[in-house]
Amino acid sequence: MKTMHMLMMPMVLSGGLSTAVMADDGSLSPGELESLLATAGEHGVTHYDDIAIDDGNRLEVEGWRDDGWQLDLDMLIRDGSLVHEKRRQDTTPDWSLNGEELRQALDNARDAGMQRFAELDVDEQGHVDIEGYDAQNEEIDIRLERNGLTVTGVEHD
């Protein structure tokens, strides 16, 4: 399982997730993802390491709280309800993304052509990999450098 650092994202939910419709490809629109990340923030996630859709109906978020506790959350995509939470005492690594950095990475991925989100992974070597779908509903993989969050590669599958 990939490690994920999560940061609290200060967002206001506008309406419930129950009306959100996930695409058949197991991806999320930017608004759906933002709502689910806001819910993760309500559970204390402040630094992110890994975000992925699991079994097509759950979002798994791995990261840390401000006090260093590592969190692994599984939430239902349809309404954001918590299905599973795992915690362990740890130290938040420097390479994790805080909420502002996460938003910037996702914005940069959208600017590079990603329309729908599928997965994000941050690694200790300073890379951020984001997978999703472009406007033609084709898979797109975007790599960013951790420092500056600049796009260093775009691959269409």
N, C-alpha and C. Protein backbone atom coordinates (compact mmCIF):
# COMPACT_ATOMS: atom_id res chain seq x y z
N MET A 1 0.85 -1.18 0.00
CA MET A 1 0.00 0.00 0.00
C MET A 1 0.89 1.24 0.00
N LYS A 2 0.56 2.18 -0.79
CA LYS A 2 1.35 3.39 -0.88
C LYS A 2 1.13 4.24 0.35
N THR A 3 2.15 4.97 0.74
CA THR A 3 2.05 5.87 1.87
C THR A 3 1.53 7.20 1.39
N MET A 4 0.67 7.83 2.19
CA MET A 4 0.11 9.10 1.76
C MET A 4 0.11 10.08 2.90
N HIS A 5 0.47 11.29 2.61
CA HIS A 5 0.45 12.35 3.60
C HIS A 5 -0.71 13.25 3.27
N MET A 6 -1.48 13.58 4.27
CA MET A 6 -2.65 14.36 4.00
C MET A 6 -2.63 15.67 4.79
N LEU A 7 -3.13 16.69 4.17
CA LEU A 7 -3.28 17.97 4.83
C LEU A 7 -4.72 18.36 4.85
N MET A 8 -5.11 19.04 5.91
CA MET A 8 -6.48 19.49 5.99
C MET A 8 -6.72 20.52 4.90
N MET A 9 -7.78 20.34 4.18
CA MET A 9 -8.10 21.27 3.11
C MET A 9 -9.27 22.12 3.56
N PRO A 10 -9.04 23.42 3.76
CA PRO A 10 -10.10 24.29 4.23
C PRO A 10 -11.09 24.59 3.10
N MET A 11 -12.10 23.76 3.00
CA MET A 11 -13.11 23.95 1.97
C MET A 11 -14.48 23.83 2.61
N VAL A 12 -15.43 24.44 2.00
CA VAL A 12 -16.80 24.33 2.45
C VAL A 12 -17.52 23.43 1.46
N LEU A 13 -18.20 22.42 2.00
CA LEU A 13 -18.96 21.54 1.12
C LEU A 13 -20.21 22.26 0.65
N SER A 14 -20.42 22.25 -0.61
CA SER A 14 -21.62 22.87 -1.14
C SER A 14 -22.51 21.75 -1.64
N GLY A 15 -23.40 21.32 -0.78
CA GLY A 15 -24.26 20.20 -1.12
C GLY A 15 -23.59 18.91 -0.73
N GLY A 16 -24.36 17.84 -0.70
CA GLY A 16 -23.83 16.55 -0.30
C GLY A 16 -23.21 15.80 -1.45
N LEU A 17 -22.42 14.81 -1.10
CA LEU A 17 -21.80 13.97 -2.11
C LEU A 17 -22.78 12.96 -2.67
N SER A 18 -23.91 12.77 -2.01
CA SER A 18 -24.85 11.74 -2.46
C SER A 18 -25.35 12.01 -3.87
N THR A 19 -25.34 13.25 -4.30
CA THR A 19 -25.79 13.55 -5.66
C THR A 19 -24.65 13.49 -6.67
N ALA A 20 -23.42 13.36 -6.17
CA ALA A 20 -22.27 13.29 -7.07
C ALA A 20 -22.29 11.96 -7.82
N VAL A 21 -21.97 12.02 -9.08
CA VAL A 21 -21.97 10.82 -9.90
C VAL A 21 -20.54 10.54 -10.34
N MET A 22 -20.06 9.35 -10.01
CA MET A 22 -18.72 8.97 -10.41
C MET A 22 -18.79 8.36 -11.80
N ALA A 23 -17.81 8.66 -12.61
CA ALA A 23 -17.76 8.10 -13.96
C ALA A 23 -17.54 6.59 -13.88
N ASP A 24 -17.94 5.88 -14.95
CA ASP A 24 -17.79 4.44 -15.01
C ASP A 24 -16.32 4.01 -14.95
N ASP A 25 -15.39 4.91 -15.24
CA ASP A 25 -13.99 4.56 -15.25
C ASP A 25 -13.36 4.58 -13.86
N GLY A 26 -14.14 4.82 -12.81
CA GLY A 26 -13.60 4.84 -11.46
C GLY A 26 -12.80 6.09 -11.17
N SER A 27 -13.23 7.21 -11.71
CA SER A 27 -12.53 8.47 -11.49
C SER A 27 -13.47 9.48 -10.86
N LEU A 28 -12.89 10.59 -10.41
CA LEU A 28 -13.66 11.64 -9.75
C LEU A 28 -13.44 12.97 -10.46
N SER A 29 -14.49 13.78 -10.50
CA SER A 29 -14.35 15.14 -11.00
C SER A 29 -13.60 15.96 -9.95
N PRO A 30 -13.06 17.11 -10.32
CA PRO A 30 -12.38 17.96 -9.33
C PRO A 30 -13.28 18.30 -8.14
N GLY A 31 -14.54 18.61 -8.38
CA GLY A 31 -15.45 18.94 -7.29
C GLY A 31 -15.71 17.77 -6.35
N GLU A 32 -15.88 16.59 -6.92
CA GLU A 32 -16.09 15.39 -6.09
C GLU A 32 -14.86 15.13 -5.22
N LEU A 33 -13.68 15.24 -5.82
CA LEU A 33 -12.44 15.02 -5.07
C LEU A 33 -12.29 16.05 -3.97
N GLU A 34 -12.53 17.33 -4.27
CA GLU A 34 -12.41 18.38 -3.26
C GLU A 34 -13.34 18.13 -2.07
N SER A 35 -14.57 17.70 -2.34
CA SER A 35 -15.50 17.41 -1.26
C SER A 35 -15.02 16.27 -0.38
N LEU A 36 -14.50 15.22 -1.00
CA LEU A 36 -13.99 14.08 -0.23
C LEU A 36 -12.74 14.46 0.56
N LEU A 37 -11.87 15.28 -0.02
CA LEU A 37 -10.69 15.72 0.71
C LEU A 37 -11.06 16.64 1.87
N ALA A 38 -12.10 17.43 1.72
CA ALA A 38 -12.58 18.25 2.83
C ALA A 38 -13.06 17.35 3.97
N THR A 39 -13.73 16.26 3.62
CA THR A 39 -14.16 15.30 4.63
C THR A 39 -12.96 14.66 5.31
N ALA A 40 -11.93 14.32 4.55
CA ALA A 40 -10.70 13.77 5.15
C ALA A 40 -10.09 14.80 6.11
N GLY A 41 -10.12 16.07 5.74
CA GLY A 41 -9.64 17.12 6.61
C GLY A 41 -10.42 17.21 7.91
N GLU A 42 -11.72 16.96 7.83
CA GLU A 42 -12.55 16.95 9.04
C GLU A 42 -12.13 15.82 9.98
N HIS A 43 -11.54 14.77 9.43
CA HIS A 43 -11.04 13.65 10.23
C HIS A 43 -9.60 13.89 10.69
N GLY A 44 -9.04 15.05 10.37
CA GLY A 44 -7.74 15.44 10.89
C GLY A 44 -6.57 15.35 9.93
N VAL A 45 -6.78 14.91 8.72
CA VAL A 45 -5.67 14.78 7.78
C VAL A 45 -5.17 16.17 7.39
N THR A 46 -3.85 16.37 7.55
CA THR A 46 -3.24 17.66 7.21
C THR A 46 -2.11 17.52 6.20
N HIS A 47 -1.54 16.32 6.06
CA HIS A 47 -0.46 16.06 5.10
C HIS A 47 -0.78 14.78 4.34
N TYR A 48 -0.53 14.81 3.04
CA TYR A 48 -0.95 13.73 2.16
C TYR A 48 0.23 12.98 1.55
N ASP A 49 0.01 11.67 1.36
CA ASP A 49 1.00 10.82 0.71
C ASP A 49 0.39 10.01 -0.43
N ASP A 50 -0.83 9.51 -0.24
CA ASP A 50 -1.45 8.65 -1.24
C ASP A 50 -2.96 8.84 -1.19
N ILE A 51 -3.55 8.99 -2.36
CA ILE A 51 -5.01 9.09 -2.50
C ILE A 51 -5.37 8.19 -3.66
N ALA A 52 -6.31 7.27 -3.45
CA ALA A 52 -6.67 6.34 -4.53
C ALA A 52 -8.11 5.88 -4.38
N ILE A 53 -8.73 5.61 -5.51
CA ILE A 53 -10.06 5.02 -5.52
C ILE A 53 -9.89 3.52 -5.33
N ASP A 54 -10.65 2.96 -4.39
CA ASP A 54 -10.55 1.55 -4.05
C ASP A 54 -11.89 0.88 -4.31
N ASP A 55 -11.88 -0.19 -5.06
CA ASP A 55 -13.09 -0.97 -5.37
C ASP A 55 -14.17 -0.15 -6.07
N GLY A 56 -13.83 0.99 -6.65
CA GLY A 56 -14.77 1.79 -7.40
C GLY A 56 -15.78 2.56 -6.58
N ASN A 57 -15.83 2.29 -5.28
CA ASN A 57 -16.84 2.99 -4.47
C ASN A 57 -16.27 3.64 -3.22
N ARG A 58 -14.95 3.52 -3.02
CA ARG A 58 -14.34 4.11 -1.83
C ARG A 58 -13.09 4.90 -2.22
N LEU A 59 -12.84 5.95 -1.45
CA LEU A 59 -11.61 6.71 -1.61
C LEU A 59 -10.73 6.41 -0.41
N GLU A 60 -9.51 5.98 -0.69
CA GLU A 60 -8.55 5.71 0.37
C GLU A 60 -7.59 6.89 0.43
N VAL A 61 -7.44 7.42 1.62
CA VAL A 61 -6.56 8.56 1.84
C VAL A 61 -5.56 8.16 2.91
N GLU A 62 -4.29 8.30 2.58
CA GLU A 62 -3.23 8.02 3.55
C GLU A 62 -2.46 9.30 3.79
N GLY A 63 -2.20 9.59 5.06
CA GLY A 63 -1.47 10.80 5.39
C GLY A 63 -1.24 10.92 6.87
N TRP A 64 -1.12 12.17 7.34
CA TRP A 64 -0.80 12.45 8.72
C TRP A 64 -1.64 13.59 9.27
N ARG A 65 -1.81 13.55 10.58
CA ARG A 65 -2.40 14.68 11.29
C ARG A 65 -1.28 15.62 11.70
N ASP A 66 -1.63 16.82 12.16
CA ASP A 66 -0.62 17.78 12.60
C ASP A 66 0.23 17.27 13.74
N ASP A 67 -0.32 16.39 14.58
CA ASP A 67 0.42 15.88 15.73
C ASP A 67 1.29 14.68 15.38
N GLY A 68 1.38 14.32 14.07
CA GLY A 68 2.27 13.26 13.64
C GLY A 68 1.62 11.89 13.51
N TRP A 69 0.41 11.71 13.97
CA TRP A 69 -0.25 10.42 13.82
C TRP A 69 -0.50 10.15 12.35
N GLN A 70 -0.11 8.96 11.91
CA GLN A 70 -0.36 8.55 10.53
C GLN A 70 -1.78 8.02 10.43
N LEU A 71 -2.49 8.42 9.39
CA LEU A 71 -3.88 8.02 9.19
C LEU A 71 -4.04 7.28 7.87
N ASP A 72 -4.91 6.30 7.89
CA ASP A 72 -5.32 5.58 6.69
C ASP A 72 -6.84 5.55 6.75
N LEU A 73 -7.48 6.33 5.88
CA LEU A 73 -8.94 6.46 5.88
C LEU A 73 -9.52 5.84 4.61
N ASP A 74 -10.64 5.14 4.77
CA ASP A 74 -11.45 4.68 3.64
C ASP A 74 -12.81 5.34 3.79
N MET A 75 -13.23 6.06 2.75
CA MET A 75 -14.51 6.76 2.77
C MET A 75 -15.35 6.34 1.58
N LEU A 76 -16.65 6.23 1.77
CA LEU A 76 -17.54 5.95 0.64
C LEU A 76 -17.57 7.18 -0.27
N ILE A 77 -17.42 6.95 -1.55
CA ILE A 77 -17.42 8.05 -2.51
C ILE A 77 -18.79 8.71 -2.57
N ARG A 78 -19.84 7.95 -2.46
CA ARG A 78 -21.19 8.50 -2.64
C ARG A 78 -21.57 9.55 -1.62
N ASP A 79 -21.05 9.44 -0.36
CA ASP A 79 -21.46 10.40 0.65
C ASP A 79 -20.33 10.81 1.61
N GLY A 80 -19.13 10.29 1.42
CA GLY A 80 -18.00 10.66 2.26
C GLY A 80 -17.97 10.00 3.63
N SER A 81 -18.90 9.09 3.89
CA SER A 81 -18.92 8.46 5.20
C SER A 81 -17.70 7.57 5.40
N LEU A 82 -17.21 7.55 6.63
CA LEU A 82 -16.01 6.81 6.98
C LEU A 82 -16.33 5.33 7.13
N VAL A 83 -15.63 4.49 6.37
CA VAL A 83 -15.82 3.04 6.41
C VAL A 83 -14.76 2.40 7.31
N HIS A 84 -13.54 2.96 7.26
CA HIS A 84 -12.43 2.39 8.01
C HIS A 84 -11.44 3.49 8.34
N GLU A 85 -10.87 3.42 9.54
CA GLU A 85 -9.82 4.35 9.93
C GLU A 85 -8.77 3.59 10.70
N LYS A 86 -7.53 3.79 10.32
CA LYS A 86 -6.40 3.16 10.99
C LYS A 86 -5.43 4.27 11.37
N ARG A 87 -4.92 4.22 12.62
CA ARG A 87 -3.98 5.24 13.09
C ARG A 87 -2.77 4.57 13.70
N ARG A 88 -1.64 5.26 13.56
CA ARG A 88 -0.45 4.83 14.30
C ARG A 88 0.43 6.04 14.51
N GLN A 89 1.11 6.06 15.67
CA GLN A 89 2.00 7.18 15.99
C GLN A 89 3.18 7.17 15.03
N ASP A 90 3.50 8.32 14.51
CA ASP A 90 4.55 8.44 13.51
C ASP A 90 5.01 9.89 13.48
N THR A 91 5.90 10.20 12.60
CA THR A 91 6.37 11.56 12.39
C THR A 91 6.03 11.95 10.95
N THR A 92 5.48 13.12 10.77
CA THR A 92 5.13 13.59 9.43
C THR A 92 6.41 13.86 8.64
N PRO A 93 6.60 13.16 7.53
CA PRO A 93 7.83 13.38 6.74
C PRO A 93 7.78 14.71 5.97
N ASP A 94 8.97 15.25 5.74
CA ASP A 94 9.09 16.51 5.01
C ASP A 94 8.58 16.42 3.58
N TRP A 95 8.60 15.24 2.99
CA TRP A 95 8.24 15.10 1.59
C TRP A 95 6.72 15.00 1.36
N SER A 96 5.94 14.92 2.42
CA SER A 96 4.49 14.86 2.26
C SER A 96 3.97 16.20 1.75
N LEU A 97 2.77 16.20 1.20
CA LEU A 97 2.15 17.43 0.69
C LEU A 97 1.17 17.98 1.70
N ASN A 98 1.26 19.25 2.02
CA ASN A 98 0.22 19.86 2.84
C ASN A 98 -0.97 20.20 1.94
N GLY A 99 -2.04 20.69 2.51
CA GLY A 99 -3.26 20.96 1.75
C GLY A 99 -3.06 21.92 0.60
N GLU A 100 -2.32 23.00 0.84
CA GLU A 100 -2.07 23.98 -0.22
C GLU A 100 -1.25 23.36 -1.35
N GLU A 101 -0.23 22.58 -0.99
CA GLU A 101 0.60 21.92 -2.00
C GLU A 101 -0.20 20.89 -2.78
N LEU A 102 -1.08 20.17 -2.09
CA LEU A 102 -1.93 19.20 -2.77
C LEU A 102 -2.82 19.89 -3.79
N ARG A 103 -3.45 20.97 -3.40
CA ARG A 103 -4.30 21.72 -4.33
C ARG A 103 -3.49 22.21 -5.53
N GLN A 104 -2.27 22.70 -5.28
CA GLN A 104 -1.42 23.19 -6.37
C GLN A 104 -1.05 22.05 -7.32
N ALA A 105 -0.70 20.89 -6.76
CA ALA A 105 -0.35 19.73 -7.60
C ALA A 105 -1.54 19.32 -8.46
N LEU A 106 -2.74 19.29 -7.88
CA LEU A 106 -3.94 18.92 -8.64
C LEU A 106 -4.27 19.97 -9.70
N ASP A 107 -4.09 21.25 -9.37
CA ASP A 107 -4.30 22.32 -10.36
C ASP A 107 -3.31 22.18 -11.52
N ASN A 108 -2.05 21.89 -11.21
CA ASN A 108 -1.04 21.73 -12.25
C ASN A 108 -1.35 20.51 -13.12
N ALA A 109 -1.88 19.45 -12.53
CA ALA A 109 -2.26 18.27 -13.30
C ALA A 109 -3.43 18.61 -14.23
N ARG A 110 -4.38 19.39 -13.76
CA ARG A 110 -5.50 19.82 -14.62
C ARG A 110 -4.99 20.68 -15.77
N ASP A 111 -4.04 21.58 -15.47
CA ASP A 111 -3.45 22.41 -16.52
C ASP A 111 -2.72 21.56 -17.56
N ALA A 112 -2.22 20.40 -17.14
CA ALA A 112 -1.50 19.49 -18.05
C ALA A 112 -2.44 18.56 -18.80
N GLY A 113 -3.76 18.68 -18.54
CA GLY A 113 -4.73 17.91 -19.31
C GLY A 113 -5.60 16.93 -18.55
N MET A 114 -5.39 16.77 -17.25
CA MET A 114 -6.22 15.84 -16.49
C MET A 114 -7.60 16.45 -16.21
N GLN A 115 -8.64 15.75 -16.60
CA GLN A 115 -10.01 16.20 -16.36
C GLN A 115 -10.66 15.50 -15.18
N ARG A 116 -10.30 14.21 -14.97
CA ARG A 116 -10.87 13.43 -13.88
C ARG A 116 -9.73 12.73 -13.14
N PHE A 117 -9.86 12.64 -11.81
CA PHE A 117 -8.82 12.11 -10.93
C PHE A 117 -9.03 10.63 -10.66
N ALA A 118 -7.91 9.88 -10.61
CA ALA A 118 -7.96 8.47 -10.22
C ALA A 118 -7.02 8.16 -9.06
N GLU A 119 -5.78 8.72 -9.05
CA GLU A 119 -4.83 8.36 -8.01
C GLU A 119 -3.72 9.40 -7.90
N LEU A 120 -3.20 9.56 -6.69
CA LEU A 120 -2.06 10.43 -6.43
C LEU A 120 -1.11 9.69 -5.50
N ASP A 121 0.19 9.79 -5.79
CA ASP A 121 1.20 9.17 -4.94
C ASP A 121 2.39 10.10 -4.82
N VAL A 122 2.86 10.31 -3.59
CA VAL A 122 4.04 11.11 -3.31
C VAL A 122 5.10 10.15 -2.78
N ASP A 123 6.33 10.24 -3.28
CA ASP A 123 7.37 9.34 -2.78
C ASP A 123 8.50 10.11 -2.11
N GLU A 124 9.34 9.38 -1.40
CA GLU A 124 10.43 9.96 -0.64
C GLU A 124 11.49 10.61 -1.52
N GLN A 125 11.54 10.26 -2.80
CA GLN A 125 12.54 10.82 -3.72
C GLN A 125 12.13 12.17 -4.29
N GLY A 126 10.97 12.66 -3.92
CA GLY A 126 10.56 13.98 -4.38
C GLY A 126 9.71 13.99 -5.63
N HIS A 127 9.01 12.90 -5.89
CA HIS A 127 8.13 12.83 -7.06
C HIS A 127 6.67 12.77 -6.63
N VAL A 128 5.83 13.40 -7.42
CA VAL A 128 4.39 13.32 -7.24
C VAL A 128 3.83 12.76 -8.53
N ASP A 129 3.16 11.62 -8.45
CA ASP A 129 2.54 11.00 -9.62
C ASP A 129 1.03 11.09 -9.47
N ILE A 130 0.39 11.61 -10.51
CA ILE A 130 -1.06 11.74 -10.51
C ILE A 130 -1.59 11.04 -11.75
N GLU A 131 -2.56 10.15 -11.53
CA GLU A 131 -3.19 9.44 -12.63
C GLU A 131 -4.65 9.86 -12.74
N GLY A 132 -5.14 9.88 -13.96
CA GLY A 132 -6.53 10.23 -14.18
C GLY A 132 -6.89 10.06 -15.64
N TYR A 133 -7.81 10.90 -16.11
CA TYR A 133 -8.32 10.81 -17.47
C TYR A 133 -8.36 12.20 -18.08
N ASP A 134 -8.07 12.27 -19.39
CA ASP A 134 -8.09 13.55 -20.09
C ASP A 134 -9.47 13.81 -20.68
N ALA A 135 -9.59 14.85 -21.49
CA ALA A 135 -10.88 15.25 -22.07
C ALA A 135 -11.45 14.20 -23.03
N GLN A 136 -10.58 13.35 -23.59
CA GLN A 136 -11.03 12.27 -24.48
C GLN A 136 -11.28 10.98 -23.71
N ASN A 137 -11.27 11.06 -22.37
CA ASN A 137 -11.47 9.93 -21.46
C ASN A 137 -10.39 8.86 -21.63
N GLU A 138 -9.19 9.29 -22.03
CA GLU A 138 -8.05 8.40 -22.11
C GLU A 138 -7.21 8.58 -20.85
N GLU A 139 -6.56 7.50 -20.41
CA GLU A 139 -5.73 7.57 -19.22
C GLU A 139 -4.58 8.54 -19.42
N ILE A 140 -4.28 9.30 -18.37
CA ILE A 140 -3.17 10.25 -18.40
C ILE A 140 -2.41 10.12 -17.08
N ASP A 141 -1.09 10.05 -17.18
CA ASP A 141 -0.22 10.00 -16.01
C ASP A 141 0.64 11.26 -16.03
N ILE A 142 0.64 11.96 -14.91
CA ILE A 142 1.37 13.21 -14.82
C ILE A 142 2.37 13.11 -13.68
N ARG A 143 3.61 13.48 -13.96
CA ARG A 143 4.66 13.46 -12.93
C ARG A 143 5.07 14.90 -12.64
N LEU A 144 5.16 15.20 -11.34
CA LEU A 144 5.59 16.51 -10.90
C LEU A 144 6.78 16.33 -9.95
N GLU A 145 7.62 17.33 -9.89
CA GLU A 145 8.70 17.36 -8.90
C GLU A 145 8.13 17.95 -7.62
N ARG A 146 8.48 17.38 -6.50
CA ARG A 146 7.97 17.80 -5.19
C ARG A 146 8.31 19.27 -4.93
N ASN A 147 9.53 19.67 -5.20
CA ASN A 147 9.93 21.07 -5.00
C ASN A 147 9.43 21.90 -6.17
N GLY A 148 8.52 22.80 -5.91
CA GLY A 148 7.97 23.66 -6.94
C GLY A 148 6.73 23.09 -7.62
N LEU A 149 6.50 21.78 -7.48
CA LEU A 149 5.34 21.11 -8.06
C LEU A 149 5.19 21.36 -9.55
N THR A 150 6.31 21.45 -10.23
CA THR A 150 6.29 21.63 -11.69
C THR A 150 6.11 20.29 -12.39
N VAL A 151 5.37 20.31 -13.48
CA VAL A 151 5.13 19.12 -14.27
C VAL A 151 6.41 18.77 -15.02
N THR A 152 6.87 17.53 -14.85
CA THR A 152 8.08 17.09 -15.54
C THR A 152 7.80 16.00 -16.58
N GLY A 153 6.56 15.52 -16.61
CA GLY A 153 6.22 14.51 -17.60
C GLY A 153 4.73 14.28 -17.68
N VAL A 154 4.25 14.06 -18.90
CA VAL A 154 2.85 13.73 -19.16
C VAL A 154 2.84 12.55 -20.10
N GLU A 155 2.15 11.50 -19.72
CA GLU A 155 2.09 10.29 -20.52
C GLU A 155 0.63 9.90 -20.74
N HIS A 156 0.27 9.69 -22.00
CA HIS A 156 -1.08 9.24 -22.33
C HIS A 156 -1.02 7.75 -22.61
N ASP A 157 -1.89 7.00 -21.97
CA ASP A 157 -1.93 5.54 -22.20
C ASP A 157 -2.94 5.16 -23.25
